[in-house]
Amino acid sequence: MDKLYENTETGCCPRFNPEPWDGKEVTFKDKLFLKEHMRTFLHIPLGFGKLMVNTSQKIKAADALPPQPLMLYDDTSLWGADLYIAVSKDVPGARMETISGDFLSKVFEGPFKDAGKWLKEMNGYVRSKGKEPKKVYFFYTTCPSCAKAYGKNYTVTLAKV
């Protein structure tokens, strides 16, 4: 896979610090993302590696790499998902979108197969704060190779409230 963040321990994904994200309220105001749609089969992404290579090349060519990586995954159906990759400016030839709103965040650690369990726990967490989740995104903080290298597979859930 093409590397976005080359000056890291792995030459790929930076090491993730969960503290600023766990149990926090996060506000986005017109946060800029490159948006991609990907096919899934029963929620399992298809062609994710190729999509990331192509997308990272576009981001690098536009010199639009943000200082901190953020990639939001929106599981829209059994057959598709939207991927929002934070960028520092518009990327020519790409679909751009902004996201605004207040979000509650919670960090989970473990295999991606636990996403359904995390979603249920996140919805309960949001309701325990007296709010109702309007939309939940997953922020997969590292690729599988980097998660293995770091010994932790952190995923952040962000619930728009």
Protein backbone atom coordinates (compact mmCIF):
# COMPACT_ATOMS: atom_id res chain seq x y z
CA MET A 1 0.00 0.00 0.00
CA ASP A 2 1.20 3.52 -0.77
CA LYS A 3 2.41 5.22 2.40
CA LEU A 4 0.85 8.50 3.47
CA TYR A 5 2.85 9.23 6.62
CA GLU A 6 6.39 8.16 5.74
CA ASN A 7 8.23 9.69 8.72
CA THR A 8 6.74 7.36 11.32
CA GLU A 9 8.06 4.31 13.16
CA THR A 10 6.48 2.00 10.59
CA GLY A 11 6.86 4.26 7.56
CA CYS A 12 3.07 4.20 7.35
CA CYS A 13 0.52 5.04 10.07
CA PRO A 14 1.57 7.16 13.05
CA ARG A 15 1.27 5.62 16.51
CA PHE A 16 -2.19 6.48 17.89
CA ASN A 17 -2.71 8.15 21.27
CA PRO A 18 -6.23 7.28 22.50
CA GLU A 19 -6.32 9.81 25.38
CA PRO A 20 -7.51 12.87 23.39
CA TRP A 21 -10.36 10.80 21.91
CA ASP A 22 -11.68 8.57 24.70
CA GLY A 23 -14.85 9.85 26.34
CA LYS A 24 -14.51 13.30 24.77
CA GLU A 25 -16.74 15.73 22.96
CA VAL A 26 -15.36 16.68 19.56
CA THR A 27 -16.62 19.53 17.39
CA PHE A 28 -16.05 19.75 13.65
CA LYS A 29 -16.77 23.00 11.86
CA ASP A 30 -16.68 22.57 8.10
CA LYS A 31 -13.95 19.92 8.42
CA LEU A 32 -12.80 19.06 4.90
CA PHE A 33 -12.76 15.45 3.70
CA LEU A 34 -12.15 13.61 0.49
CA LYS A 35 -15.11 11.25 0.13
CA GLU A 36 -14.96 7.83 -1.52
CA HIS A 37 -17.63 5.17 -1.80
CA MET A 38 -16.60 1.56 -1.56
CA ARG A 39 -18.36 -1.69 -2.15
CA THR A 40 -18.78 -4.08 0.74
CA PHE A 41 -20.08 -7.61 1.06
CA LEU A 42 -21.99 -8.13 4.29
CA HIS A 43 -20.16 -5.07 5.72
CA ILE A 44 -16.72 -6.41 4.67
CA PRO A 45 -14.86 -3.86 2.49
CA LEU A 46 -13.91 -4.98 -1.02
CA GLY A 47 -10.89 -3.48 -2.79
CA PHE A 48 -9.93 -1.35 0.19
CA GLY A 49 -6.17 -1.57 -0.44
CA LYS A 50 -6.47 -0.44 -4.06
CA LEU A 51 -8.82 2.38 -3.07
CA MET A 52 -6.35 3.59 -0.42
CA VAL A 53 -3.40 3.49 -2.85
CA ASN A 54 -5.30 5.56 -5.44
CA THR A 55 -6.66 7.98 -2.87
CA SER A 56 -3.33 8.49 -1.11
CA GLN A 57 -1.67 9.25 -4.46
CA LYS A 58 -4.28 11.94 -5.15
CA ILE A 59 -3.81 13.45 -1.68
CA LYS A 60 -0.01 13.47 -1.99
CA ALA A 61 -0.13 14.96 -5.51
CA ALA A 62 -2.33 17.79 -4.22
CA ASP A 63 -0.05 18.31 -1.18
CA ALA A 64 -3.22 18.02 0.91
CA LEU A 65 -1.99 15.74 3.70
CA PRO A 66 -3.31 16.99 7.06
CA PRO A 67 -1.00 17.13 10.10
CA GLN A 68 -3.09 14.49 11.92
CA PRO A 69 -4.70 11.60 10.04
CA LEU A 70 -8.44 11.10 10.33
CA MET A 71 -10.39 8.62 8.24
CA LEU A 72 -14.07 8.11 8.99
CA TYR A 73 -15.89 5.00 7.88
CA ASP A 74 -19.67 5.17 7.42
CA ASP A 75 -21.17 1.71 6.97
CA THR A 76 -24.19 2.65 4.86
CA SER A 77 -25.50 -0.87 4.04
CA LEU A 78 -24.57 -4.52 3.69
CA TRP A 79 -23.24 -3.64 0.23
CA GLY A 80 -21.54 -0.27 0.59
CA ALA A 81 -19.76 2.22 2.79
CA ASP A 82 -18.54 5.78 2.55
CA LEU A 83 -15.02 6.69 3.49
CA TYR A 84 -14.14 10.24 4.55
CA ILE A 85 -10.43 11.05 4.57
CA ALA A 86 -9.44 14.36 6.19
CA VAL A 87 -7.40 16.63 3.94
CA SER A 88 -5.85 20.06 4.37
CA LYS A 89 -7.28 21.47 1.11
CA ASP A 90 -9.29 20.51 -1.95
CA VAL A 91 -7.96 17.59 -3.98
CA PRO A 92 -8.44 18.06 -7.75
CA GLY A 93 -10.60 15.39 -9.36
CA ALA A 94 -11.88 14.09 -6.02
CA ARG A 95 -15.29 14.36 -4.40
CA MET A 96 -14.95 16.76 -1.47
CA GLU A 97 -17.29 17.11 1.49
CA THR A 98 -17.34 18.97 4.78
CA ILE A 99 -18.62 17.65 8.08
CA SER A 100 -19.81 19.85 10.92
CA GLY A 101 -21.33 19.06 14.28
CA ASP A 102 -20.80 17.94 17.83
CA PHE A 103 -19.72 14.35 18.43
CA LEU A 104 -19.16 12.14 21.43
CA SER A 105 -16.16 9.86 21.01
CA LYS A 106 -15.13 6.60 22.60
CA VAL A 107 -12.05 4.46 21.93
CA PHE A 108 -12.15 0.70 21.57
CA GLU A 109 -9.29 -1.75 21.19
CA GLY A 110 -9.54 -5.12 19.50
CA PRO A 111 -10.32 -6.87 16.23
CA PHE A 112 -12.45 -5.15 13.59
CA LYS A 113 -14.99 -7.99 13.87
CA ASP A 114 -16.08 -6.40 17.18
CA ALA A 115 -17.47 -3.32 15.39
CA GLY A 116 -21.10 -4.39 15.96
CA LYS A 117 -20.44 -4.74 19.69
CA TRP A 118 -18.69 -1.34 19.75
CA LEU A 119 -21.63 0.31 17.96
CA LYS A 120 -24.07 -1.06 20.52
CA GLU A 121 -21.84 0.06 23.40
CA MET A 122 -21.37 3.51 21.82
CA ASN A 123 -25.12 4.03 21.42
CA GLY A 124 -25.58 3.13 25.10
CA TYR A 125 -22.78 5.51 26.09
CA VAL A 126 -24.36 8.40 24.16
CA ARG A 127 -27.76 7.74 25.73
CA SER A 128 -26.16 7.61 29.20
CA LYS A 129 -25.08 11.21 28.54
CA GLY A 130 -28.71 12.20 27.91
CA LYS A 131 -28.23 12.51 24.15
CA GLU A 132 -29.40 10.59 21.12
CA PRO A 133 -26.95 9.35 18.46
CA LYS A 134 -27.86 10.77 15.03
CA LYS A 135 -25.04 9.10 13.08
CA VAL A 136 -22.03 7.03 14.10
CA TYR A 137 -18.73 6.94 12.26
CA PHE A 138 -15.80 4.62 12.86
CA PHE A 139 -12.27 6.04 12.85
CA TYR A 140 -9.89 3.16 12.18
CA THR A 141 -6.67 4.66 13.51
CA THR A 142 -4.14 2.43 11.75
CA CYS A 143 -3.95 -0.07 8.95
CA PRO A 144 -3.84 -3.75 9.94
CA SER A 145 -0.05 -3.94 9.41
CA CYS A 146 0.63 -0.98 11.69
CA ALA A 147 -1.83 -2.24 14.31
CA LYS A 148 0.15 -5.49 14.39
CA ALA A 149 3.48 -3.61 14.61
CA TYR A 150 2.24 -1.39 17.45
CA GLY A 151 0.49 -4.26 19.25
CA LYS A 152 -2.79 -2.31 19.54
CA ASN A 153 -5.72 -2.02 17.16
CA TYR A 154 -7.54 1.12 18.27
CA THR A 155 -10.84 2.21 16.75
CA VAL A 156 -12.62 5.43 17.68
CA THR A 157 -16.40 5.70 17.42
CA LEU A 158 -17.75 9.18 16.81
CA ALA A 159 -21.46 9.71 17.39
CA LYS A 160 -23.02 12.89 16.08
CA VAL A 161 -25.35 14.26 18.75
